[in-house]
C-alpha atoms as a PDB file:
ATOM      1  CA  MET A   1       5.465 -59.314  45.870  1.00  0.00           C
ATOM      2  CA  SER A   2       2.120 -61.069  45.187  1.00  0.00           C
ATOM      3  CA  LYS A   3       0.768 -61.201  41.821  1.00  0.00           C
ATOM      4  CA  ARG A   4      -1.737 -58.323  42.523  1.00  0.00           C
ATOM      5  CA  GLN A   5       0.978 -55.686  43.483  1.00  0.00           C
ATOM      6  CA  ALA A   6       2.701 -56.878  40.280  1.00  0.00           C
ATOM      7  CA  ILE A   7      -0.333 -56.381  37.581  1.00  0.00           C
ATOM      8  CA  THR A   8      -1.004 -52.848  39.532  1.00  0.00           C
ATOM      9  CA  THR A   9       2.505 -51.712  39.531  1.00  0.00           C
ATOM     10  CA  TRP A  10       3.241 -52.621  35.425  1.00  0.00           C
ATOM     11  CA  ALA A  11      -0.341 -51.169  35.315  1.00  0.00           C
ATOM     12  CA  ILE A  12       1.019 -47.608  36.714  1.00  0.00           C
ATOM     13  CA  VAL A  13       4.100 -47.827  34.163  1.00  0.00           C
ATOM     14  CA  VAL A  14       2.419 -48.644  31.026  1.00  0.00           C
ATOM     15  CA  SER A  15       0.165 -45.831  31.627  1.00  0.00           C
ATOM     16  CA  GLY A  16       2.469 -43.165  32.660  1.00  0.00           C
ATOM     17  CA  ILE A  17       4.608 -44.310  29.370  1.00  0.00           C
ATOM     18  CA  PHE A  18       1.219 -43.918  27.582  1.00  0.00           C
ATOM     19  CA  VAL A  19       0.801 -40.425  29.141  1.00  0.00           C
ATOM     20  CA  LEU A  20       4.252 -39.532  28.162  1.00  0.00           C
ATOM     21  CA  VAL A  21       4.156 -40.663  24.744  1.00  0.00           C
ATOM     22  CA  VAL A  22       0.444 -39.029  24.124  1.00  0.00           C
ATOM     23  CA  THR A  23       2.106 -35.634  25.814  1.00  0.00           C
ATOM     24  CA  ILE A  24       5.299 -35.630  23.392  1.00  0.00           C
ATOM     25  CA  THR A  25       2.635 -36.425  20.009  1.00  0.00           C
ATOM     26  CA  ILE A  26       0.749 -33.302  21.098  1.00  0.00           C
ATOM     27  CA  SER A  27       3.337 -30.931  21.766  1.00  0.00           C
ATOM     28  CA  ALA A  28       5.079 -31.931  18.706  1.00  0.00           C
ATOM     29  CA  ARG A  29       2.041 -31.634  16.565  1.00  0.00           C
ATOM     30  CA  ARG A  30       1.521 -27.895  17.739  1.00  0.00           C
ATOM     31  CA  HIS A  31       0.159 -25.405  14.911  1.00  0.00           C
ATOM     32  CA  PRO A  32       2.930 -23.300  13.167  1.00  0.00           C
ATOM     33  CA  VAL A  33       3.698 -19.691  14.285  1.00  0.00           C
ATOM     34  CA  THR A  34       2.907 -17.121  12.335  1.00  0.00           C
ATOM     35  CA  LEU A  35       4.174 -13.740  12.338  1.00  0.00           C
ATOM     36  CA  ARG A  36       1.922 -10.787  10.756  1.00  0.00           C
ATOM     37  CA  GLY A  37       2.416  -7.397  10.263  1.00  0.00           C
ATOM     38  CA  ALA A  38       2.836  -4.276   7.510  1.00  0.00           C
ATOM     39  CA  VAL A  39       5.561  -2.826   5.698  1.00  0.00           C
ATOM     40  CA  LEU A  40       5.515   1.054   5.542  1.00  0.00           C
ATOM     41  CA  ARG A  41       7.664   3.903   3.817  1.00  0.00           C
ATOM     42  CA  GLN A  42       9.484   5.736   6.828  1.00  0.00           C
ATOM     43  CA  ASP A  43       8.609   9.369   7.364  1.00  0.00           C
ATOM     44  CA  LYS A  44       8.376  11.885   9.928  1.00  0.00           C
ATOM     45  CA  ASP A  45       4.988  12.580   8.740  1.00  0.00           C
ATOM     46  CA  PRO A  46       2.577   9.935   9.513  1.00  0.00           C
ATOM     47  CA  ASN A  47       0.314  11.147   6.464  1.00  0.00           C
ATOM     48  CA  LYS A  48       3.082   9.888   4.383  1.00  0.00           C
ATOM     49  CA  GLN A  49       3.504   6.503   5.460  1.00  0.00           C
ATOM     50  CA  LEU A  50       2.450   4.539   3.162  1.00  0.00           C
ATOM     51  CA  PRO A  51       2.378   1.171   2.856  1.00  0.00           C
ATOM     52  CA  ILE A  52       4.745  -0.983   0.685  1.00  0.00           C
ATOM     53  CA  ALA A  53       3.572  -3.737  -1.837  1.00  0.00           C
ATOM     54  CA  ASP A  54       5.890  -7.049  -3.115  1.00  0.00           C
ATOM     55  CA  VAL A  55       8.668  -6.111  -0.421  1.00  0.00           C
ATOM     56  CA  GLN A  56       9.992  -9.516   0.552  1.00  0.00           C
ATOM     57  CA  ILE A  57      10.077 -10.799   3.746  1.00  0.00           C
ATOM     58  CA  THR A  58      12.217 -13.604   5.053  1.00  0.00           C
ATOM     59  CA  ALA A  59      12.424 -15.131   8.723  1.00  0.00           C
ATOM     60  CA  THR A  60      15.901 -17.059   9.296  1.00  0.00           C
ATOM     61  CA  ASN A  61      17.039 -19.155  12.550  1.00  0.00           C
ATOM     62  CA  ALA A  62      19.138 -21.606  13.280  1.00  0.00           C
ATOM     63  CA  LEU A  63      16.526 -23.906  13.051  1.00  0.00           C
ATOM     64  CA  GLY A  64      15.021 -22.819   9.614  1.00  0.00           C
ATOM     65  CA  SER A  65      13.882 -20.480   7.302  1.00  0.00           C
ATOM     66  CA  GLY A  66      10.394 -19.261   5.930  1.00  0.00           C
ATOM     67  CA  SER A  67       9.615 -16.332   3.516  1.00  0.00           C
ATOM     68  CA  THR A  68       6.792 -14.255   1.872  1.00  0.00           C
ATOM     69  CA  LYS A  69       6.034 -10.939   0.011  1.00  0.00           C
ATOM     70  CA  SER A  70       3.697  -8.277   1.270  1.00  0.00           C
ATOM     71  CA  ASP A  71       0.277  -7.382  -0.663  1.00  0.00           C
ATOM     72  CA  ALA A  72      -1.178  -4.329  -2.220  1.00  0.00           C
ATOM     73  CA  SER A  73      -1.640  -2.617   1.688  1.00  0.00           C
ATOM     74  CA  GLY A  74       1.983  -3.657   3.063  1.00  0.00           C
ATOM     75  CA  PHE A  75       0.095  -6.402   5.192  1.00  0.00           C
ATOM     76  CA  PHE A  76       2.416 -10.053   5.195  1.00  0.00           C
ATOM     77  CA  SER A  77       1.556 -12.928   6.850  1.00  0.00           C
ATOM     78  CA  LEU A  78       4.486 -15.510   7.518  1.00  0.00           C
ATOM     79  CA  THR A  79       3.973 -18.921   8.509  1.00  0.00           C
ATOM     80  CA  LEU A  80       7.148 -20.523  10.154  1.00  0.00           C
ATOM     81  CA  PRO A  81       8.482 -23.945   9.678  1.00  0.00           C
ATOM     82  CA  LYS A  82       7.727 -26.470  12.801  1.00  0.00           C
ATOM     83  CA  GLY A  83      11.404 -26.265  14.099  1.00  0.00           C
ATOM     84  CA  LEU A  84      10.544 -22.121  14.804  1.00  0.00           C
ATOM     85  CA  ARG A  85       8.698 -21.596  17.369  1.00  0.00           C
ATOM     86  CA  ARG A  86       7.661 -18.913  20.161  1.00  0.00           C
ATOM     87  CA  ARG A  87      10.444 -17.205  22.326  1.00  0.00           C
ATOM     88  CA  GLN A  88      12.915 -18.004  19.855  1.00  0.00           C
ATOM     89  CA  GLN A  89      15.535 -15.312  18.385  1.00  0.00           C
ATOM     90  CA  VAL A  90      14.656 -14.711  14.463  1.00  0.00           C
ATOM     91  CA  GLU A  91      16.097 -12.810  12.034  1.00  0.00           C
ATOM     92  CA  LEU A  92      13.905 -10.973   9.535  1.00  0.00           C
ATOM     93  CA  HIS A  93      14.928  -9.608   6.378  1.00  0.00           C
ATOM     94  CA  PHE A  94      13.020  -7.087   4.484  1.00  0.00           C
ATOM     95  CA  ARG A  95      13.896  -6.296   0.753  1.00  0.00           C
ATOM     96  CA  HIS A  96      12.545  -4.438  -2.007  1.00  0.00           C
ATOM     97  CA  LYS A  97      14.299  -3.122  -5.133  1.00  0.00           C
ATOM     98  CA  ASP A  98      12.996   1.202  -4.158  1.00  0.00           C
ATOM     99  CA  TYR A  99      14.058   0.808  -0.381  1.00  0.00           C
ATOM    100  CA  GLN A 100      17.092   0.452   1.411  1.00  0.00           C
ATOM    101  CA  PRO A 101      17.585  -3.121   3.114  1.00  0.00           C
ATOM    102  CA  LEU A 102      16.030  -3.688   6.440  1.00  0.00           C
ATOM    103  CA  ASP A 103      17.246  -6.392   8.890  1.00  0.00           C
ATOM    104  CA  TRP A 104      16.028  -6.829  12.499  1.00  0.00           C
ATOM    105  CA  ASN A 105      16.786  -9.610  15.202  1.00  0.00           C
ATOM    106  CA  ASP A 106      13.835  -9.551  17.523  1.00  0.00           C
ATOM    107  CA  TRP A 107      11.887 -12.751  19.270  1.00  0.00           C
ATOM    108  CA  ILE A 108       9.095 -14.597  17.624  1.00  0.00           C
ATOM    109  CA  SER A 109       5.879 -13.881  19.426  1.00  0.00           C
ATOM    110  CA  ASP A 110       2.043 -13.094  18.608  1.00  0.00           C
ATOM    111  CA  LYS A 111       3.086  -9.083  18.386  1.00  0.00           C
ATOM    112  CA  ILE A 112       2.274  -6.931  15.309  1.00  0.00           C
ATOM    113  CA  TYR A 113       5.734  -6.040  13.216  1.00  0.00           C
ATOM    114  CA  VAL A 114       5.741  -2.742  11.720  1.00  0.00           C
ATOM    115  CA  ALA A 115       8.491  -2.674   9.327  1.00  0.00           C
ATOM    116  CA  PRO A 116       9.516   1.024   8.138  1.00  0.00           C
ATOM    117  CA  MET A 117      11.302   1.226   5.330  1.00  0.00           C
ATOM    118  CA  VAL A 118      13.756   3.836   4.083  1.00  0.00           C
ATOM    119  CA  PRO A 119      13.336   4.882  -0.024  1.00  0.00           C
ATOM    120  CA  ILE A 120      16.515   5.069  -1.752  1.00  0.00           C
ATOM    121  CA  ASN A 121      16.123   8.003  -3.347  1.00  0.00           C
ATOM    122  CA  GLN A 122      14.437  10.330  -0.518  1.00  0.00           C
ATOM    123  CA  GLN A 123      13.685  13.115  -2.646  1.00  0.00           C
ATOM    124  CA  THR A 124      10.351  15.550  -1.751  1.00  0.00           C
ATOM    125  CA  THR A 125       8.308  15.965  -4.336  1.00  0.00           C
ATOM    126  CA  ARG A 126       7.061  19.798  -5.034  1.00  0.00           C
ATOM    127  CA  GLU A 127       4.121  20.599  -7.063  1.00  0.00           C
ATOM    128  CA  SER A 128       4.937  22.415 -10.194  1.00  0.00           C
ATOM    129  CA  ARG A 129       2.578  24.888  -9.440  1.00  0.00           C
ATOM    130  CA  PRO A 130       3.360  28.279  -8.292  1.00  0.00           C
ATOM    131  CA  GLN A 131       2.289  29.159  -4.381  1.00  0.00           C
ATOM    132  CA  THR A 132      -1.047  30.752  -4.575  1.00  0.00           C
ATOM    133  CA  ILE A 133      -1.862  33.541  -2.313  1.00  0.00           C
ATOM    134  CA  VAL A 134      -5.148  33.468  -0.583  1.00  0.00           C
ATOM    135  CA  SER A 135      -6.555  37.256   0.405  1.00  0.00           C
ATOM    136  CA  ASN A 136      -9.940  39.180   1.175  1.00  0.00           C
ATOM    137  CA  THR A 137     -11.088  36.020   3.182  1.00  0.00           C
ATOM    138  CA  ARG A 138     -13.893  36.599   4.974  1.00  0.00           C
ATOM    139  CA  ILE A 139     -15.523  33.906   7.488  1.00  0.00           C
ATOM    140  CA  ARG A 140     -19.282  33.395   8.293  1.00  0.00           C
ATOM    141  CA  TYR A 141     -20.627  31.352  11.211  1.00  0.00           C
ATOM    142  CA  SER A 142     -23.906  31.173  12.914  1.00  0.00           C
ATOM    143  CA  VAL A 143     -24.339  29.964  16.475  1.00  0.00           C
ATOM    144  CA  LYS A 144     -27.623  28.487  17.840  1.00  0.00           C
ATOM    145  CA  ALA A 145     -28.666  29.379  21.198  1.00  0.00           C
ATOM    146  CA  THR A 146     -31.208  28.555  23.726  1.00  0.00           C
ATOM    147  CA  PHE A 147     -32.242  31.566  26.376  1.00  0.00           C
ATOM    148  CA  ARG A 148     -35.714  30.695  28.556  1.00  0.00           C
ATOM    149  CA  GLY A 149     -37.247  28.529  26.212  1.00  0.00           C
ATOM    150  CA  ARG A 150     -36.897  30.456  22.862  1.00  0.00           C
ATOM    151  CA  GLN A 151     -34.001  29.607  20.074  1.00  0.00           C
ATOM    152  CA  TYR A 152     -32.247  32.491  18.575  1.00  0.00           C
ATOM    153  CA  TRP A 153     -29.246  32.312  15.716  1.00  0.00           C
ATOM    154  CA  GLU A 154     -26.696  34.738  16.301  1.00  0.00           C
ATOM    155  CA  HIS A 155     -24.860  35.693  12.539  1.00  0.00           C
ATOM    156  CA  SER A 156     -21.545  37.404  12.286  1.00  0.00           C
ATOM    157  CA  MET A 157     -18.894  37.940   9.718  1.00  0.00           C
ATOM    158  CA  GLN A 158     -15.359  38.429  10.358  1.00  0.00           C
ATOM    159  CA  PRO A 159     -13.902  41.238   7.382  1.00  0.00           C
ATOM    160  CA  GLY A 160     -10.459  39.812   6.268  1.00  0.00           C
ATOM    161  CA  PRO A 161      -7.740  41.959   4.694  1.00  0.00           C
ATOM    162  CA  SER A 162      -9.261  43.800   1.817  1.00  0.00           C
ATOM    163  CA  MET A 163      -7.264  44.755  -1.557  1.00  0.00           C
ATOM    164  CA  LEU A 164      -8.008  47.969  -3.032  1.00  0.00           C
ATOM    165  CA  ALA A 165      -5.484  47.579  -5.613  1.00  0.00           C
END
């Protein structure tokens, strides 16, 4: 092997090692993964699914763990340690003193996590006022119509049931 071929071979080997080291360094410096989502009160009525503040959220895996708390709007943002990466399984634990504990097993991804928590004392709150009966109602409406370039207004009244007592 000539001197020129030896130098070329060593240059290729050194270049390959350099590229390998740079690739490993860049992949090791990836940005940490952040899980984002909201914690809501579980209810059949969507209007009663209110956000829950101060829920302790913990993500654990064999490689590490991280924790955070939800804010007043129920939103949480949990930055995972460097050991946890996308496409790995993670256990999510949601804890609040007024709600039943919630545990999830899921895969780490960029999705939005929505955690419905069940209240410990799930009592239906009823109004202390008596029911009010509404009667003798009337509905009034108007319709604007255009006929051959002229505008007409039609008024109507719908009589409701009357009480003569």
